[in-house]
């Protein structure tokens, strides 16, 4: 295989958040920036490619969160093909979340938390050349499997073309409007999950603040007593998500996490989501957020309430916080970081 091959095959496991953030959007940006100059050619697919005319042209085989038996069998096929025909090819495996120690309230536990899949993961870490993860804590977890693959931390990056395509006009709210945006794997009908961190805050300020749960059709049972006072928006495809988040015209955003090893390994993607919508962000003081965010839940809802009110009533402070958040967001724009992938793929540009 010639060293000047530039074809990258991206095998995407899902077409939700992780699939776009860790595969689809990256390939689209690389094709856009470098494809026209013949430095790069990428294909994103969820199908297994067996045509050797394509496989032999590939410089990189990139797998995003493939873990089932069938997906593992295909990775074994690629490894065998690469070893026999294509010594220069590189197999990369990407994982953005832990698939062990998933909290019981998280619906993803039923899909991933079993010994068979965890054993598949152990085989994968021996099979591939490089494992990419989004955080140092994820890297430490992968190391416990003692695989042969090299581990590389590649942070989540967001495309500015989707997250900040234009400036938007904010209408001043009469009282603080606070949004939580996420998926239902943070709680279930009977367990507050990560919302345990802010349940008292919501419950005691429901008339004083406007609360929004974005990404769910209805509030869970443990909020049913104030259901009519909480605004909800249904799940939306990720390409529309930044626009929906901005359209809520909220002042604050919250990202509560319970203290556990699964959450400790999470990335800072929630900060990037919220910062891109100019939402003043309050989070749990944990590794995904502690280094870069400014405001954290105290453990006392009364203190958190005062924090929100004080910021809401200080226009200059709000502007200063948003400016600081935007400065931090700049280093996470995908368009500013394409060199991370071109260098990892060893492509000259």
Protein backbone atom coordinates (compact mmCIF):
# COMPACT_ATOMS: atom_id res chain seq x y z
CA UNK A 1 0.00 0.00 0.00
CA UNK A 2 1.42 3.35 -0.99
CA UNK A 3 2.12 5.87 1.75
CA UNK A 4 0.24 8.58 -0.16
CA UNK A 5 -3.20 6.95 0.26
CA UNK A 6 -5.72 9.37 1.76
CA UNK A 7 -8.99 7.42 2.01
CA UNK A 8 -10.45 7.29 5.52
CA UNK A 9 -13.35 4.91 6.22
CA UNK A 10 -15.48 6.06 9.16
CA UNK A 11 -17.72 3.26 10.47
CA UNK A 12 -20.36 5.04 12.55
CA UNK A 13 -22.34 3.19 15.20
CA UNK A 14 -25.07 5.75 15.80
CA UNK A 15 -26.50 8.82 14.14
CA UNK A 16 -27.29 10.75 17.30
CA UNK A 17 -24.95 12.95 19.30
CA UNK A 18 -21.82 10.81 19.52
CA UNK A 19 -22.06 9.66 15.92
CA UNK A 20 -21.94 13.26 14.69
CA UNK A 21 -19.46 14.60 17.23
CA UNK A 22 -16.98 11.76 16.94
CA UNK A 23 -17.36 10.79 13.29
CA UNK A 24 -19.83 12.37 10.84
CA UNK A 25 -19.12 16.07 11.39
CA UNK A 26 -15.38 15.48 11.55
CA UNK A 27 -15.33 13.70 8.20
CA UNK A 28 -17.55 16.36 6.60
CA UNK A 29 -15.26 19.14 7.81
CA UNK A 30 -12.10 17.34 6.68
CA UNK A 31 -13.60 16.66 3.25
CA UNK A 32 -14.63 20.31 2.99
CA UNK A 33 -11.30 21.80 4.07
CA UNK A 34 -8.82 19.34 2.58
CA UNK A 35 -10.71 17.22 0.03
CA UNK A 36 -10.72 19.82 -2.75
CA UNK A 37 -6.95 20.10 -2.43
CA UNK A 38 -6.52 16.32 -2.70
CA UNK A 39 -5.11 16.00 0.83
CA UNK A 40 -8.03 13.98 2.19
CA UNK A 41 -10.90 11.72 1.14
CA UNK A 42 -13.35 10.32 3.69
CA UNK A 43 -16.45 8.14 3.66
CA UNK A 44 -18.87 7.82 6.58
CA UNK A 45 -20.99 4.68 6.68
CA UNK A 46 -22.90 2.42 9.07
CA UNK A 47 -22.61 -0.51 6.65
CA UNK A 48 -19.83 -3.07 6.52
CA UNK A 49 -17.69 -2.64 3.40
CA UNK A 50 -16.27 -5.87 1.95
CA UNK A 51 -15.29 -4.60 -1.51
CA UNK A 52 -11.52 -5.03 -1.52
CA UNK A 53 -11.20 -2.36 -4.23
CA UNK A 54 -12.29 0.13 -1.56
CA UNK A 55 -10.58 -1.48 1.42
CA UNK A 56 -7.17 -1.56 -0.24
CA UNK A 57 -7.33 2.21 -0.84
CA UNK A 58 -7.97 3.03 2.82
CA UNK A 59 -5.29 4.57 4.97
CA UNK A 60 -7.46 4.58 8.11
CA UNK A 61 -10.31 2.33 9.27
CA UNK A 62 -12.08 4.32 11.98
CA UNK A 63 -14.71 2.61 14.17
CA UNK A 64 -17.02 4.67 16.37
CA UNK A 65 -18.35 2.71 19.37
CA UNK A 66 -18.72 -0.62 17.56
CA UNK A 67 -19.16 -3.26 20.25
CA UNK A 68 -21.72 -5.96 19.28
CA UNK A 69 -20.73 -9.46 18.17
CA UNK A 70 -21.40 -8.68 14.51
CA UNK A 71 -19.42 -5.44 14.67
CA UNK A 72 -16.55 -7.23 16.40
CA UNK A 73 -16.53 -9.92 13.70
CA UNK A 74 -16.25 -7.22 11.04
CA UNK A 75 -13.36 -5.57 12.89
CA UNK A 76 -11.62 -8.96 12.95
CA UNK A 77 -12.19 -9.20 9.19
CA UNK A 78 -10.64 -5.75 8.68
CA UNK A 79 -7.70 -6.65 10.90
CA UNK A 80 -7.07 -9.86 8.94
CA UNK A 81 -7.39 -8.04 5.62
CA UNK A 82 -5.07 -5.26 6.77
CA UNK A 83 -2.43 -7.68 8.09
CA UNK A 84 -2.44 -9.77 4.91
CA UNK A 85 -2.78 -7.09 2.24
CA UNK A 86 -2.27 -3.66 3.59
CA UNK A 87 0.45 -3.19 6.19
CA UNK A 88 0.20 0.61 6.11
CA UNK A 89 -3.48 0.68 7.11
CA UNK A 90 -4.31 1.90 10.63
CA UNK A 91 -7.32 0.74 12.65
CA UNK A 92 -8.73 3.30 15.10
CA UNK A 93 -11.48 2.71 17.66
CA UNK A 94 -13.31 5.62 19.30
CA UNK A 95 -15.30 5.54 22.52
CA UNK A 96 -16.85 8.63 24.11
CA UNK A 97 -18.58 7.14 27.19
CA UNK A 98 -17.84 4.32 29.56
CA UNK A 99 -19.85 1.17 28.93
CA UNK A 100 -19.22 -0.18 32.40
CA UNK A 101 -20.47 1.07 35.77
CA UNK A 102 -23.48 2.70 34.11
CA UNK A 103 -25.91 3.88 36.84
CA UNK A 104 -29.03 1.77 37.26
CA UNK A 105 -31.34 4.68 36.42
CA UNK A 106 -29.62 5.15 33.04
CA UNK A 107 -31.56 3.33 30.30
CA UNK A 108 -28.30 2.66 28.39
CA UNK A 109 -27.35 0.18 31.10
CA UNK A 110 -29.70 -2.44 29.66
CA UNK A 111 -27.93 -2.30 26.30
CA UNK A 112 -24.28 -2.15 27.32
CA UNK A 113 -23.86 -3.38 30.87
CA UNK A 114 -23.20 -7.07 30.39
CA UNK A 115 -20.13 -9.28 30.54
CA UNK A 116 -20.35 -10.32 26.89
CA UNK A 117 -20.05 -6.77 25.57
CA UNK A 118 -17.36 -5.88 28.09
CA UNK A 119 -15.41 -8.93 26.94
CA UNK A 120 -15.85 -7.76 23.34
CA UNK A 121 -14.34 -4.45 24.38
CA UNK A 122 -11.32 -6.22 25.83
CA UNK A 123 -10.79 -8.00 22.51
CA UNK A 124 -11.20 -4.73 20.59
CA UNK A 125 -8.54 -2.97 22.67
CA UNK A 126 -6.13 -5.73 21.64
CA UNK A 127 -7.29 -5.78 18.03
CA UNK A 128 -6.98 -2.13 16.97
CA UNK A 129 -3.93 0.12 16.72
CA UNK A 130 -5.27 3.26 18.40
CA UNK A 131 -8.12 3.89 20.85
CA UNK A 132 -9.34 7.49 20.95
CA UNK A 133 -11.32 8.78 23.91
CA UNK A 134 -12.66 12.18 24.91
CA UNK A 135 -11.19 12.59 28.42
CA UNK A 136 -8.19 11.64 30.55
CA UNK A 137 -10.52 9.71 32.85
CA UNK A 138 -11.74 7.66 29.89
CA UNK A 139 -8.11 6.97 28.98
CA UNK A 140 -7.42 5.73 32.52
CA UNK A 141 -10.42 3.41 32.29
CA UNK A 142 -9.28 1.98 28.92
CA UNK A 143 -5.84 1.34 30.43
CA UNK A 144 -7.39 -1.01 32.99
CA UNK A 145 -8.14 -3.43 30.13
CA UNK A 146 -4.39 -3.66 29.40
CA UNK A 147 -4.91 -3.81 25.65
CA UNK A 148 -2.15 -3.45 23.07
CA UNK A 149 -3.65 -0.36 21.41
CA UNK A 150 -2.15 3.10 21.85
CA UNK A 151 -4.53 5.43 23.70
CA UNK A 152 -5.05 9.01 22.52
CA UNK A 153 -7.27 11.66 24.13
CA UNK A 154 -9.19 13.61 21.47
CA UNK A 155 -11.62 16.16 22.97
CA UNK A 156 -15.13 16.65 21.68
CA UNK A 157 -15.26 19.49 19.17
CA UNK A 158 -18.32 21.29 17.79
CA UNK A 159 -18.71 22.77 14.28
CA UNK A 160 -19.05 26.52 14.43
CA UNK A 161 -21.05 26.38 11.21
CA UNK A 162 -23.85 24.61 13.13
CA UNK A 163 -23.41 25.89 16.67
CA UNK A 164 -22.80 29.57 15.91
CA UNK A 165 -24.06 30.21 12.37
CA UNK A 166 -25.32 33.69 13.28
CA UNK A 167 -25.92 36.05 16.17
CA UNK A 168 -29.35 35.79 17.72
CA UNK A 169 -31.45 38.38 19.49
CA UNK A 170 -32.25 37.71 23.12
CA UNK A 171 -35.42 39.13 24.66
CA UNK A 172 -35.10 40.16 28.30
CA UNK A 173 -37.03 37.84 30.62
CA UNK A 174 -39.01 39.14 33.58
CA UNK A 175 -37.58 36.42 35.79
CA UNK A 176 -34.67 33.97 35.44
CA UNK A 177 -35.29 31.34 32.81
CA UNK A 178 -33.28 28.17 33.35
CA UNK A 179 -32.92 25.27 30.94
CA UNK A 180 -31.69 21.73 31.33
CA UNK A 181 -31.08 20.08 27.95
CA UNK A 182 -30.26 16.41 27.60
CA UNK A 183 -31.49 12.89 27.13
CA UNK A 184 -33.63 10.79 29.42
CA UNK A 185 -30.66 8.62 30.43
CA UNK A 186 -30.00 11.10 33.27
CA UNK A 187 -33.05 9.87 35.20
CA UNK A 188 -36.08 7.60 34.92
CA UNK A 189 -39.71 7.66 35.99
CA UNK A 190 -39.03 6.48 39.52
CA UNK A 191 -35.46 7.71 40.14
CA UNK A 192 -34.37 11.34 40.08
CA UNK A 193 -30.93 10.29 38.86
CA UNK A 194 -28.67 13.27 38.24
CA UNK A 195 -31.58 15.57 39.05
CA UNK A 196 -31.13 14.73 42.73
CA UNK A 197 -28.52 17.49 42.68
CA UNK A 198 -31.04 20.21 41.77
CA UNK A 199 -34.41 18.74 42.76
CA UNK A 200 -34.78 21.02 45.81
CA UNK A 201 -33.76 24.04 43.76
CA UNK A 202 -36.40 23.34 41.13
CA UNK A 203 -39.08 22.44 43.66
CA UNK A 204 -38.56 25.57 45.75
CA UNK A 205 -38.17 28.10 42.93
CA UNK A 206 -40.78 26.81 40.49
CA UNK A 207 -42.85 29.99 40.86
CA UNK A 208 -39.90 32.35 41.10
CA UNK A 209 -37.98 31.01 38.07
CA UNK A 210 -39.07 29.62 34.71
CA UNK A 211 -37.74 26.07 34.33
CA UNK A 212 -37.36 24.26 31.00
CA UNK A 213 -36.57 20.60 30.36
CA UNK A 214 -35.42 20.31 26.76
CA UNK A 215 -35.19 16.87 25.16
CA UNK A 216 -38.12 15.19 26.91
CA UNK A 217 -41.79 15.10 25.96
CA UNK A 218 -43.10 15.13 29.53
CA UNK A 219 -41.68 15.53 32.99
CA UNK A 220 -41.04 12.37 35.03
CA UNK A 221 -43.40 11.22 37.78
CA UNK A 222 -41.32 12.72 40.59
CA UNK A 223 -42.03 16.18 39.12
CA UNK A 224 -45.70 15.54 38.39
CA UNK A 225 -46.82 17.83 41.25
CA UNK A 226 -45.36 20.82 39.35
CA UNK A 227 -45.69 19.40 35.84
CA UNK A 228 -47.82 22.26 34.51
CA UNK A 229 -45.22 24.82 35.59
CA UNK A 230 -42.30 23.24 33.73
CA UNK A 231 -41.86 23.84 30.01
CA UNK A 232 -40.73 20.84 27.97
CA UNK A 233 -39.47 20.43 24.42
CA UNK A 234 -39.19 17.04 22.70
CA UNK A 235 -36.01 15.43 21.51
CA UNK A 236 -34.65 17.01 18.35
CA UNK A 237 -32.02 15.80 15.85
CA UNK A 238 -28.59 17.08 16.78
CA UNK A 239 -28.28 19.19 13.63
CA UNK A 240 -31.25 21.22 14.90
CA UNK A 241 -30.36 21.07 18.59
CA UNK A 242 -28.22 24.26 18.79
CA UNK A 243 -31.00 26.24 17.11
CA UNK A 244 -33.67 24.83 19.44
CA UNK A 245 -31.52 25.59 22.48
CA UNK A 246 -31.07 29.21 21.41
CA UNK A 247 -34.74 29.61 20.59
CA UNK A 248 -35.67 28.95 24.23
CA UNK A 249 -34.36 32.44 25.10
CA UNK A 250 -33.15 31.21 28.48
CA UNK A 251 -30.72 33.02 30.77
CA UNK A 252 -29.13 30.06 32.55
CA UNK A 253 -28.43 26.40 31.87
CA UNK A 254 -27.77 23.65 34.37
CA UNK A 255 -25.76 20.44 34.16
CA UNK A 256 -26.20 18.40 37.35
CA UNK A 257 -24.29 15.15 37.77
CA UNK A 258 -24.27 12.70 40.66
CA UNK A 259 -20.86 11.76 42.00
CA UNK A 260 -19.96 8.39 40.46
CA UNK A 261 -17.18 6.96 38.30
CA UNK A 262 -19.37 6.87 35.20
CA UNK A 263 -20.05 10.60 35.39
CA UNK A 264 -16.44 11.40 36.31
CA UNK A 265 -15.37 10.09 32.89
CA UNK A 266 -17.85 12.25 30.94
CA UNK A 267 -16.69 15.01 28.63
CA UNK A 268 -17.42 18.74 28.79
CA UNK A 269 -19.83 18.62 25.84
CA UNK A 270 -22.63 20.12 27.92
CA UNK A 271 -20.51 23.22 28.49
CA UNK A 272 -19.99 23.58 24.74
CA UNK A 273 -23.71 23.17 24.08
CA UNK A 274 -24.68 25.79 26.63
CA UNK A 275 -21.89 28.26 25.93
CA UNK A 276 -22.74 28.24 22.22
CA UNK A 277 -26.25 29.47 23.15
CA UNK A 278 -24.87 32.19 25.48
CA UNK A 279 -26.39 30.50 28.51
CA UNK A 280 -24.75 31.20 31.86
CA UNK A 281 -23.89 27.71 32.98
CA UNK A 282 -24.09 26.19 36.46
CA UNK A 283 -22.83 22.64 36.91
CA UNK A 284 -21.81 20.05 39.44
CA UNK A 285 -18.21 20.57 40.51
CA UNK A 286 -16.86 17.43 38.89
CA UNK A 287 -14.12 16.58 36.42
CA UNK A 288 -16.14 17.19 33.23
CA UNK A 289 -16.70 20.80 34.27
CA UNK A 290 -14.53 21.77 37.24
CA UNK A 291 -11.53 23.11 35.30
CA UNK A 292 -13.40 25.34 32.87
CA UNK A 293 -16.73 26.38 34.30
CA UNK A 294 -17.18 29.24 36.76
CA UNK A 295 -20.32 28.42 38.73
CA UNK A 296 -21.20 25.24 40.61
CA UNK A 297 -24.04 23.91 42.72
CA UNK A 298 -23.33 24.44 46.41
CA UNK A 299 -25.44 21.62 47.83
CA UNK A 300 -27.79 24.18 49.37
CA UNK A 301 -30.66 25.29 47.14
CA UNK A 302 -30.97 28.62 48.95
CA UNK A 303 -27.38 29.55 48.13
CA UNK A 304 -27.87 28.49 44.51
CA UNK A 305 -31.05 30.55 44.31
CA UNK A 306 -29.23 33.66 45.51
CA UNK A 307 -26.44 33.09 43.00
CA UNK A 308 -28.95 32.96 40.13
CA UNK A 309 -30.83 36.04 41.30
CA UNK A 310 -27.65 38.09 41.79
CA UNK A 311 -26.34 37.27 38.32
CA UNK A 312 -29.73 37.79 36.68
CA UNK A 313 -30.02 41.30 38.13
CA UNK A 314 -26.52 42.38 37.09
CA UNK A 315 -26.42 43.07 33.34
CA UNK A 316 -22.72 43.88 33.24
CA UNK A 317 -21.86 40.68 35.06
CA UNK A 318 -23.97 38.64 32.66
CA UNK A 319 -22.16 40.16 29.67
CA UNK A 320 -18.78 39.48 31.28
CA UNK A 321 -19.64 35.82 31.98
CA UNK A 322 -20.92 35.22 28.45
CA UNK A 323 -17.83 36.86 26.94
CA UNK A 324 -15.58 34.62 29.04
CA UNK A 325 -17.56 31.52 28.04
CA UNK A 326 -17.27 32.44 24.35
CA UNK A 327 -13.51 32.85 24.67
CA UNK A 328 -13.27 29.35 26.11
CA UNK A 329 -15.58 27.95 23.46
CA UNK A 330 -13.32 29.20 20.66
CA UNK A 331 -10.71 26.53 21.33
CA UNK A 332 -13.33 23.77 20.89
CA UNK A 333 -14.55 24.68 17.42
CA UNK A 334 -13.99 21.81 15.03
CA UNK A 335 -12.93 24.12 12.23
CA UNK A 336 -10.05 25.39 14.40
CA UNK A 337 -8.80 21.90 15.27
CA UNK A 338 -8.80 19.81 12.10
CA UNK A 339 -5.03 19.45 12.45
CA UNK A 340 -5.65 17.05 15.35
CA UNK A 341 -7.08 14.51 12.91
CA UNK A 342 -4.78 15.21 9.97
CA UNK A 343 -1.79 14.73 12.24
CA UNK A 344 -3.21 11.58 13.82
CA UNK A 345 -3.90 10.17 10.34
CA UNK A 346 -0.38 11.18 9.28
CA UNK A 347 -1.68 13.10 6.26
CA UNK A 348 0.42 15.90 4.77
CA UNK A 349 -1.47 19.15 4.23
